[in-house]
Structures are given as structure tokens and as C-alpha cells.
């Protein structure tokens, strides 16, 4: 995901509401998220769909890595040698 440009990518809800199409196009073009504030506090984030999907994909990979590390730590892993033998038997 592209980094947030603090002076351009934070807008109050009232401004966002009055220029929704502009901000949708901006997020799609820049690939940067837009922070929407309400009563001076951050309230929501508008993301490009492709950027959102990319984030989800990365999170899933990281969760898989974490699970694998936990399984290895608890002794549920399979050694490289054993995996090689298993694949050699299939060939």
C-alpha cells in the first residue's frame, strides 16, 4: 500500500460527502488510502479495491507463516529430509 500523504489524505466527512466522486477517483488513481474524520477524529478509511485485496492477501500469507512457526515450535513440523523422501516415493 502506498504511504498516506498527511496533508492530502485526511478529510472531514463534510468535505468528503460534498466531493465523493472526486475522492473515489483520487484513491483509485493514487492508490493511497483516504482517512475520513468525523468531529475531528479519524472515523473511516477509503481504500482502492486492488490495494485492499493486496493487503488481505499479505495478511493471509503472514497468518500461514505464523501457524507454520507455531507448528514447528510444538514439534509438528516435518524435516526437509523426510519431505524429500515423501516426494521421491511419488515419482
PDB file of N, CA and C in Angstrom:
ATOM      1  N   UNK A   1       0.850  -1.166   0.000  1.00  0.00           N
ATOM      2  CA  UNK A   1       0.000   0.000   0.000  1.00  0.00           C
ATOM      3  C   UNK A   1       0.895   1.228   0.000  1.00  0.00           C
ATOM      4  N   UNK A   2       0.459   2.233  -0.697  1.00  0.00           N
ATOM      5  CA  UNK A   2       1.198   3.479  -0.752  1.00  0.00           C
ATOM      6  C   UNK A   2       1.036   4.246   0.558  1.00  0.00           C
ATOM      7  N   UNK A   3       2.042   5.008   0.912  1.00  0.00           N
ATOM      8  CA  UNK A   3       2.021   5.760   2.169  1.00  0.00           C
ATOM      9  C   UNK A   3       1.014   6.896   2.108  1.00  0.00           C
ATOM     10  N   UNK A   4       0.441   7.193   3.239  1.00  0.00           N
ATOM     11  CA  UNK A   4      -0.519   8.285   3.353  1.00  0.00           C
ATOM     12  C   UNK A   4       0.229   9.614   3.288  1.00  0.00           C
ATOM     13  N   UNK A   5      -0.307  10.531   2.512  1.00  0.00           N
ATOM     14  CA  UNK A   5       0.210  11.891   2.453  1.00  0.00           C
ATOM     15  C   UNK A   5      -0.661  12.700   3.408  1.00  0.00           C
ATOM     16  N   UNK A   6      -0.133  13.024   4.577  1.00  0.00           N
ATOM     17  CA  UNK A   6      -0.938  13.578   5.659  1.00  0.00           C
ATOM     18  C   UNK A   6      -1.661  14.873   5.302  1.00  0.00           C
ATOM     19  N   UNK A   7      -1.089  15.692   4.432  1.00  0.00           N
ATOM     20  CA  UNK A   7      -1.764  16.944   4.107  1.00  0.00           C
ATOM     21  C   UNK A   7      -2.792  16.799   2.986  1.00  0.00           C
ATOM     22  N   UNK A   8      -2.866  15.629   2.356  1.00  0.00           N
ATOM     23  CA  UNK A   8      -3.832  15.425   1.269  1.00  0.00           C
ATOM     24  C   UNK A   8      -4.810  14.283   1.515  1.00  0.00           C
ATOM     25  N   UNK A   9      -4.460  13.367   2.381  1.00  0.00           N
ATOM     26  CA  UNK A   9      -5.229  12.132   2.504  1.00  0.00           C
ATOM     27  C   UNK A   9      -6.045  12.024   3.784  1.00  0.00           C
ATOM     28  N   UNK A  10      -6.288  13.139   4.420  1.00  0.00           N
ATOM     29  CA  UNK A  10      -7.174  13.173   5.581  1.00  0.00           C
ATOM     30  C   UNK A  10      -8.205  14.262   5.323  1.00  0.00           C
ATOM     31  N   UNK A  11      -9.483  13.885   5.329  1.00  0.00           N
ATOM     32  CA  UNK A  11     -10.543  14.838   5.026  1.00  0.00           C
ATOM     33  C   UNK A  11     -11.700  14.665   6.000  1.00  0.00           C
ATOM     34  N   UNK A  12     -12.310  15.771   6.391  1.00  0.00           N
ATOM     35  CA  UNK A  12     -13.508  15.664   7.223  1.00  0.00           C
ATOM     36  C   UNK A  12     -14.675  15.091   6.426  1.00  0.00           C
ATOM     37  N   UNK A  13     -15.570  14.447   7.113  1.00  0.00           N
ATOM     38  CA  UNK A  13     -16.733  13.834   6.476  1.00  0.00           C
ATOM     39  C   UNK A  13     -17.519  14.834   5.643  1.00  0.00           C
ATOM     40  N   UNK A  14     -17.665  16.058   6.129  1.00  0.00           N
ATOM     41  CA  UNK A  14     -18.450  17.059   5.391  1.00  0.00           C
ATOM     42  C   UNK A  14     -17.835  17.361   4.029  1.00  0.00           C
ATOM     43  N   UNK A  15     -16.516  17.464   3.956  1.00  0.00           N
ATOM     44  CA  UNK A  15     -15.832  17.706   2.675  1.00  0.00           C
ATOM     45  C   UNK A  15     -15.934  16.465   1.800  1.00  0.00           C
ATOM     46  N   UNK A  16     -15.689  15.294   2.384  1.00  0.00           N
ATOM     47  CA  UNK A  16     -15.786  14.037   1.632  1.00  0.00           C
ATOM     48  C   UNK A  16     -17.165  13.875   1.024  1.00  0.00           C
ATOM     49  N   UNK A  17     -18.190  14.126   1.815  1.00  0.00           N
ATOM     50  CA  UNK A  17     -19.569  13.967   1.358  1.00  0.00           C
ATOM     51  C   UNK A  17     -19.874  14.887   0.174  1.00  0.00           C
ATOM     52  N   UNK A  18     -19.348  16.095   0.205  1.00  0.00           N
ATOM     53  CA  UNK A  18     -19.648  17.053  -0.865  1.00  0.00           C
ATOM     54  C   UNK A  18     -18.873  16.766  -2.151  1.00  0.00           C
ATOM     55  N   UNK A  19     -17.818  15.939  -2.053  1.00  0.00           N
ATOM     56  CA  UNK A  19     -16.993  15.651  -3.231  1.00  0.00           C
ATOM     57  C   UNK A  19     -16.668  14.158  -3.340  1.00  0.00           C
ATOM     58  N   UNK A  20     -17.656  13.320  -3.120  1.00  0.00           N
ATOM     59  CA  UNK A  20     -17.436  11.870  -3.085  1.00  0.00           C
ATOM     60  C   UNK A  20     -16.774  11.357  -4.364  1.00  0.00           C
ATOM     61  N   UNK A  21     -17.297  11.726  -5.517  1.00  0.00           N
ATOM     62  CA  UNK A  21     -16.750  11.222  -6.783  1.00  0.00           C
ATOM     63  C   UNK A  21     -15.277  11.604  -6.929  1.00  0.00           C
ATOM     64  N   UNK A  22     -14.941  12.824  -6.551  1.00  0.00           N
ATOM     65  CA  UNK A  22     -13.547  13.278  -6.635  1.00  0.00           C
ATOM     66  C   UNK A  22     -12.642  12.383  -5.781  1.00  0.00           C
ATOM     67  N   UNK A  23     -13.049  12.111  -4.544  1.00  0.00           N
ATOM     68  CA  UNK A  23     -12.213  11.316  -3.644  1.00  0.00           C
ATOM     69  C   UNK A  23     -12.142   9.848  -4.068  1.00  0.00           C
ATOM     70  N   UNK A  24     -13.225   9.304  -4.613  1.00  0.00           N
ATOM     71  CA  UNK A  24     -13.171   7.938  -5.142  1.00  0.00           C
ATOM     72  C   UNK A  24     -12.135   7.859  -6.256  1.00  0.00           C
ATOM     73  N   UNK A  25     -12.175   8.798  -7.166  1.00  0.00           N
ATOM     74  CA  UNK A  25     -11.214   8.818  -8.278  1.00  0.00           C
ATOM     75  C   UNK A  25      -9.790   9.026  -7.782  1.00  0.00           C
ATOM     76  N   UNK A  26      -9.621   9.894  -6.787  1.00  0.00           N
ATOM     77  CA  UNK A  26      -8.290  10.165  -6.242  1.00  0.00           C
ATOM     78  C   UNK A  26      -7.690   8.916  -5.611  1.00  0.00           C
ATOM     79  N   UNK A  27      -8.472   8.204  -4.821  1.00  0.00           N
ATOM     80  CA  UNK A  27      -7.995   6.981  -4.177  1.00  0.00           C
ATOM     81  C   UNK A  27      -7.640   5.936  -5.228  1.00  0.00           C
ATOM     82  N   UNK A  28      -8.468   5.822  -6.254  1.00  0.00           N
ATOM     83  CA  UNK A  28      -8.197   4.850  -7.320  1.00  0.00           C
ATOM     84  C   UNK A  28      -6.923   5.211  -8.081  1.00  0.00           C
ATOM     85  N   UNK A  29      -6.718   6.500  -8.334  1.00  0.00           N
ATOM     86  CA  UNK A  29      -5.558   6.947  -9.103  1.00  0.00           C
ATOM     87  C   UNK A  29      -4.262   6.874  -8.298  1.00  0.00           C
ATOM     88  N   UNK A  30      -4.285   7.360  -7.062  1.00  0.00           N
ATOM     89  CA  UNK A  30      -3.059   7.433  -6.258  1.00  0.00           C
ATOM     90  C   UNK A  30      -2.733   6.129  -5.540  1.00  0.00           C
ATOM     91  N   UNK A  31      -3.735   5.271  -5.365  1.00  0.00           N
ATOM     92  CA  UNK A  31      -3.586   4.019  -4.615  1.00  0.00           C
ATOM     93  C   UNK A  31      -3.313   4.267  -3.135  1.00  0.00           C
ATOM     94  N   UNK A  32      -3.474   5.509  -2.690  1.00  0.00           N
ATOM     95  CA  UNK A  32      -3.294   5.840  -1.275  1.00  0.00           C
ATOM     96  C   UNK A  32      -4.650   5.835  -0.588  1.00  0.00           C
ATOM     97  N   UNK A  33      -4.703   5.382   0.668  1.00  0.00           N
ATOM     98  CA  UNK A  33      -5.972   5.410   1.396  1.00  0.00           C
ATOM     99  C   UNK A  33      -6.352   6.840   1.760  1.00  0.00           C
ATOM    100  N   UNK A  34      -7.626   7.055   1.978  1.00  0.00           N
ATOM    101  CA  UNK A  34      -8.137   8.345   2.425  1.00  0.00           C
ATOM    102  C   UNK A  34      -8.717   8.151   3.823  1.00  0.00           C
ATOM    103  N   UNK A  35      -8.230   8.927   4.770  1.00  0.00           N
ATOM    104  CA  UNK A  35      -8.748   8.901   6.134  1.00  0.00           C
ATOM    105  C   UNK A  35      -9.886   9.916   6.205  1.00  0.00           C
ATOM    106  N   UNK A  36     -11.039   9.473   6.669  1.00  0.00           N
ATOM    107  CA  UNK A  36     -12.192  10.361   6.804  1.00  0.00           C
ATOM    108  C   UNK A  36     -12.411  10.606   8.291  1.00  0.00           C
ATOM    109  N   UNK A  37     -12.492  11.878   8.647  1.00  0.00           N
ATOM    110  CA  UNK A  37     -12.676  12.228  10.051  1.00  0.00           C
ATOM    111  C   UNK A  37     -14.106  12.680  10.308  1.00  0.00           C
ATOM    112  N   UNK A  38     -14.505  12.532  11.547  1.00  0.00           N
ATOM    113  CA  UNK A  38     -15.821  12.990  11.993  1.00  0.00           C
ATOM    114  C   UNK A  38     -15.635  13.599  13.375  1.00  0.00           C
ATOM    115  N   UNK A  39     -16.061  14.828  13.516  1.00  0.00           N
ATOM    116  CA  UNK A  39     -15.879  15.559  14.770  1.00  0.00           C
ATOM    117  C   UNK A  39     -14.411  15.622  15.180  1.00  0.00           C
ATOM    118  N   UNK A  40     -13.530  15.767  14.193  1.00  0.00           N
ATOM    119  CA  UNK A  40     -12.106  15.922  14.464  1.00  0.00           C
ATOM    120  C   UNK A  40     -11.349  14.650  14.769  1.00  0.00           C
ATOM    121  N   UNK A  41     -12.014  13.501  14.697  1.00  0.00           N
ATOM    122  CA  UNK A  41     -11.353  12.229  14.987  1.00  0.00           C
ATOM    123  C   UNK A  41     -11.464  11.305  13.779  1.00  0.00           C
ATOM    124  N   UNK A  42     -10.441  10.484  13.565  1.00  0.00           N
ATOM    125  CA  UNK A  42     -10.496   9.541  12.458  1.00  0.00           C
ATOM    126  C   UNK A  42     -11.680   8.610  12.645  1.00  0.00           C
ATOM    127  N   UNK A  43     -12.397   8.361  11.536  1.00  0.00           N
ATOM    128  CA  UNK A  43     -13.631   7.600  11.626  1.00  0.00           C
ATOM    129  C   UNK A  43     -13.680   6.435  10.642  1.00  0.00           C
ATOM    130  N   UNK A  44     -13.087   6.629   9.444  1.00  0.00           N
ATOM    131  CA  UNK A  44     -13.154   5.582   8.422  1.00  0.00           C
ATOM    132  C   UNK A  44     -11.977   5.737   7.458  1.00  0.00           C
ATOM    133  N   UNK A  45     -11.724   4.659   6.706  1.00  0.00           N
ATOM    134  CA  UNK A  45     -10.664   4.668   5.701  1.00  0.00           C
ATOM    135  C   UNK A  45     -11.263   4.195   4.388  1.00  0.00           C
ATOM    136  N   UNK A  46     -10.994   4.940   3.326  1.00  0.00           N
ATOM    137  CA  UNK A  46     -11.425   4.556   1.983  1.00  0.00           C
ATOM    138  C   UNK A  46     -10.200   4.022   1.251  1.00  0.00           C
ATOM    139  N   UNK A  47     -10.292   2.776   0.765  1.00  0.00           N
ATOM    140  CA  UNK A  47      -9.178   2.132   0.083  1.00  0.00           C
ATOM    141  C   UNK A  47      -9.570   1.742  -1.335  1.00  0.00           C
ATOM    142  N   UNK A  48      -8.603   1.756  -2.234  1.00  0.00           N
ATOM    143  CA  UNK A  48      -8.782   1.190  -3.564  1.00  0.00           C
ATOM    144  C   UNK A  48      -8.983  -0.322  -3.415  1.00  0.00           C
ATOM    145  N   UNK A  49      -9.863  -0.890  -4.211  1.00  0.00           N
ATOM    146  CA  UNK A  49     -10.190  -2.316  -4.091  1.00  0.00           C
ATOM    147  C   UNK A  49      -8.959  -3.195  -4.297  1.00  0.00           C
ATOM    148  N   UNK A  50      -8.145  -2.893  -5.294  1.00  0.00           N
ATOM    149  CA  UNK A  50      -6.949  -3.703  -5.553  1.00  0.00           C
ATOM    150  C   UNK A  50      -5.969  -3.607  -4.382  1.00  0.00           C
ATOM    151  N   UNK A  51      -5.828  -2.431  -3.795  1.00  0.00           N
ATOM    152  CA  UNK A  51      -4.952  -2.265  -2.643  1.00  0.00           C
ATOM    153  C   UNK A  51      -5.487  -3.051  -1.444  1.00  0.00           C
ATOM    154  N   UNK A  52      -6.798  -3.028  -1.259  1.00  0.00           N
ATOM    155  CA  UNK A  52      -7.427  -3.782  -0.174  1.00  0.00           C
ATOM    156  C   UNK A  52      -7.172  -5.278  -0.362  1.00  0.00           C
ATOM    157  N   UNK A  53      -7.372  -5.788  -1.578  1.00  0.00           N
ATOM    158  CA  UNK A  53      -7.154  -7.206  -1.850  1.00  0.00           C
ATOM    159  C   UNK A  53      -5.704  -7.588  -1.608  1.00  0.00           C
ATOM    160  N   UNK A  54      -4.795  -6.719  -1.993  1.00  0.00           N
ATOM    161  CA  UNK A  54      -3.372  -6.965  -1.767  1.00  0.00           C
ATOM    162  C   UNK A  54      -3.071  -7.068  -0.275  1.00  0.00           C
ATOM    163  N   UNK A  55      -3.671  -6.188   0.517  1.00  0.00           N
ATOM    164  CA  UNK A  55      -3.484  -6.245   1.967  1.00  0.00           C
ATOM    165  C   UNK A  55      -4.016  -7.550   2.536  1.00  0.00           C
ATOM    166  N   UNK A  56      -5.196  -7.962   2.097  1.00  0.00           N
ATOM    167  CA  UNK A  56      -5.790  -9.215   2.579  1.00  0.00           C
ATOM    168  C   UNK A  56      -4.891 -10.396   2.220  1.00  0.00           C
ATOM    169  N   UNK A  57      -4.393 -10.412   0.984  1.00  0.00           N
ATOM    170  CA  UNK A  57      -3.506 -11.500   0.559  1.00  0.00           C
ATOM    171  C   UNK A  57      -2.254 -11.567   1.436  1.00  0.00           C
ATOM    172  N   UNK A  58      -1.663 -10.411   1.732  1.00  0.00           N
ATOM    173  CA  UNK A  58      -0.467 -10.371   2.572  1.00  0.00           C
ATOM    174  C   UNK A  58      -0.777 -10.854   3.990  1.00  0.00           C
ATOM    175  N   UNK A  59      -1.898 -10.458   4.516  1.00  0.00           N
ATOM    176  CA  UNK A  59      -2.289 -10.887   5.863  1.00  0.00           C
ATOM    177  C   UNK A  59      -2.451 -12.401   5.907  1.00  0.00           C
ATOM    178  N   UNK A  60      -3.071 -12.974   4.878  1.00  0.00           N
ATOM    179  CA  UNK A  60      -3.261 -14.426   4.843  1.00  0.00           C
ATOM    180  C   UNK A  60      -1.920 -15.158   4.808  1.00  0.00           C
ATOM    181  N   UNK A  61      -0.965 -14.648   4.035  1.00  0.00           N
ATOM    182  CA  UNK A  61       0.356 -15.272   3.974  1.00  0.00           C
ATOM    183  C   UNK A  61       1.033 -15.186   5.345  1.00  0.00           C
ATOM    184  N   UNK A  62       0.949 -14.027   5.975  1.00  0.00           N
ATOM    185  CA  UNK A  62       1.557 -13.860   7.298  1.00  0.00           C
ATOM    186  C   UNK A  62       0.913 -14.777   8.335  1.00  0.00           C
ATOM    187  N   UNK A  63      -0.407 -14.950   8.252  1.00  0.00           N
ATOM    188  CA  UNK A  63      -1.089 -15.867   9.172  1.00  0.00           C
ATOM    189  C   UNK A  63      -0.631 -17.299   8.933  1.00  0.00           C
ATOM    190  N   UNK A  64      -0.446 -17.676   7.665  1.00  0.00           N
ATOM    191  CA  UNK A  64       0.052 -19.025   7.356  1.00  0.00           C
ATOM    192  C   UNK A  64       1.465 -19.226   7.907  1.00  0.00           C
ATOM    193  N   UNK A  65       2.309 -18.211   7.773  1.00  0.00           N
ATOM    194  CA  UNK A  65       3.674 -18.299   8.295  1.00  0.00           C
ATOM    195  C   UNK A  65       3.646 -18.439   9.816  1.00  0.00           C
ATOM    196  N   UNK A  66       2.807 -17.648  10.468  1.00  0.00           N
ATOM    197  CA  UNK A  66       2.698 -17.725  11.933  1.00  0.00           C
ATOM    198  C   UNK A  66       2.247 -19.120  12.370  1.00  0.00           C
ATOM    199  N   UNK A  67       1.239 -19.666  11.676  1.00  0.00           N
ATOM    200  CA  UNK A  67       0.754 -21.003  12.006  1.00  0.00           C
ATOM    201  C   UNK A  67       1.860 -22.039  11.815  1.00  0.00           C
ATOM    202  N   UNK A  68       2.607 -21.923  10.719  1.00  0.00           N
ATOM    203  CA  UNK A  68       3.696 -22.869  10.455  1.00  0.00           C
ATOM    204  C   UNK A  68       4.766 -22.780  11.536  1.00  0.00           C
ATOM    205  N   UNK A  69       5.106 -21.560  11.944  1.00  0.00           N
ATOM    206  CA  UNK A  69       6.099 -21.396  13.005  1.00  0.00           C
ATOM    207  C   UNK A  69       5.618 -22.005  14.317  1.00  0.00           C
ATOM    208  N   UNK A  70       4.336 -21.824  14.630  1.00  0.00           N
ATOM    209  CA  UNK A  70       3.776 -22.412  15.854  1.00  0.00           C
ATOM    210  C   UNK A  70       3.817 -23.936  15.783  1.00  0.00           C
ATOM    211  N   UNK A  71       3.483 -24.488  14.606  1.00  0.00           N
ATOM    212  CA  UNK A  71       3.501 -25.940  14.450  1.00  0.00           C
ATOM    213  C   UNK A  71       4.920 -26.484  14.581  1.00  0.00           C
ATOM    214  N   UNK A  72       5.881 -25.789  14.006  1.00  0.00           N
ATOM    215  CA  UNK A  72       7.281 -26.227  14.103  1.00  0.00           C
ATOM    216  C   UNK A  72       7.748 -26.164  15.554  1.00  0.00           C
ATOM    217  N   UNK A  73       7.399 -25.076  16.246  1.00  0.00           N
ATOM    218  CA  UNK A  73       7.800 -24.915  17.649  1.00  0.00           C
ATOM    219  C   UNK A  73       7.216 -26.007  18.541  1.00  0.00           C
ATOM    220  N   UNK A  74       6.025 -26.479  18.195  1.00  0.00           N
ATOM    221  CA  UNK A  74       5.394 -27.514  19.023  1.00  0.00           C
ATOM    222  C   UNK A  74       5.749 -28.932  18.561  1.00  0.00           C
ATOM    223  N   UNK A  75       6.706 -29.030  17.626  1.00  0.00           N
ATOM    224  CA  UNK A  75       7.184 -30.336  17.193  1.00  0.00           C
ATOM    225  C   UNK A  75       6.335 -30.998  16.125  1.00  0.00           C
ATOM    226  N   UNK A  76       5.427 -30.262  15.522  1.00  0.00           N
ATOM    227  CA  UNK A  76       4.559 -30.842  14.495  1.00  0.00           C
ATOM    228  C   UNK A  76       5.131 -30.700  13.088  1.00  0.00           C
ATOM    229  N   UNK A  77       6.332 -30.164  12.979  1.00  0.00           N
ATOM    230  CA  UNK A  77       6.936 -29.962  11.664  1.00  0.00           C
ATOM    231  C   UNK A  77       7.475 -31.254  11.082  1.00  0.00           C
ATOM    232  N   UNK A  78       7.761 -31.224   9.798  1.00  0.00           N
ATOM    233  CA  UNK A  78       8.353 -32.361   9.095  1.00  0.00           C
ATOM    234  C   UNK A  78       9.722 -31.911   8.590  1.00  0.00           C
ATOM    235  N   UNK A  79      10.735 -32.728   8.797  1.00  0.00           N
ATOM    236  CA  UNK A  79      12.090 -32.354   8.381  1.00  0.00           C
ATOM    237  C   UNK A  79      12.186 -32.314   6.857  1.00  0.00           C
ATOM    238  N   UNK A  80      13.142 -31.554   6.398  1.00  0.00           N
ATOM    239  CA  UNK A  80      13.378 -31.430   4.955  1.00  0.00           C
ATOM    240  C   UNK A  80      13.693 -32.790   4.341  1.00  0.00           C
ATOM    241  N   UNK A  81      14.496 -33.570   5.035  1.00  0.00           N
ATOM    242  CA  UNK A  81      14.870 -34.907   4.545  1.00  0.00           C
ATOM    243  C   UNK A  81      13.637 -35.790   4.383  1.00  0.00           C
ATOM    244  N   UNK A  82      12.750 -35.759   5.358  1.00  0.00           N
ATOM    245  CA  UNK A  82      11.540 -36.578   5.294  1.00  0.00           C
ATOM    246  C   UNK A  82      10.642 -36.138   4.134  1.00  0.00           C
ATOM    247  N   UNK A  83      10.518 -34.846   3.917  1.00  0.00           N
ATOM    248  CA  UNK A  83       9.701 -34.350   2.802  1.00  0.00           C
ATOM    249  C   UNK A  83      10.300 -34.791   1.476  1.00  0.00           C
ATOM    250  N   UNK A  84      11.611 -34.708   1.354  1.00  0.00           N
ATOM    251  CA  UNK A  84      12.269 -35.154   0.115  1.00  0.00           C
ATOM    252  C   UNK A  84      11.982 -36.634  -0.143  1.00  0.00           C
ATOM    253  N   UNK A  85      12.053 -37.442   0.923  1.00  0.00           N
ATOM    254  CA  UNK A  85      11.741 -38.866   0.764  1.00  0.00           C
ATOM    255  C   UNK A  85      10.309 -39.093   0.328  1.00  0.00           C
ATOM    256  N   UNK A  86       9.388 -38.327   0.921  1.00  0.00           N
ATOM    257  CA  UNK A  86       7.961 -38.475   0.575  1.00  0.00           C
ATOM    258  C   UNK A  86       7.734 -38.140  -0.910  1.00  0.00           C
ATOM    259  N   UNK A  87       8.362 -37.091  -1.384  1.00  0.00           N
ATOM    260  CA  UNK A  87       8.189 -36.708  -2.784  1.00  0.00           C
ATOM    261  C   UNK A  87       8.920 -37.670  -3.723  1.00  0.00           C
ATOM    262  N   UNK A  88      10.018 -38.219  -3.277  1.00  0.00           N
ATOM    263  CA  UNK A  88      10.761 -39.181  -4.096  1.00  0.00           C
ATOM    264  C   UNK A  88       9.933 -40.451  -4.308  1.00  0.00           C
ATOM    265  N   UNK A  89       9.170 -40.861  -3.303  1.00  0.00           N
ATOM    266  CA  UNK A  89       8.328 -42.057  -3.423  1.00  0.00           C
ATOM    267  C   UNK A  89       7.196 -41.845  -4.432  1.00  0.00           C
ATOM    268  N   UNK A  90       6.728 -40.605  -4.587  1.00  0.00           N
ATOM    269  CA  UNK A  90       5.639 -40.308  -5.524  1.00  0.00           C
ATOM    270  C   UNK A  90       6.098 -40.361  -6.972  1.00  0.00           C
ATOM    271  N   UNK A  91       7.364 -40.092  -7.211  1.00  0.00           N
ATOM    272  CA  UNK A  91       7.875 -40.013  -8.592  1.00  0.00           C
ATOM    273  C   UNK A  91       8.071 -41.357  -9.212  1.00  0.00           C
TER     274      UNK A  91
END
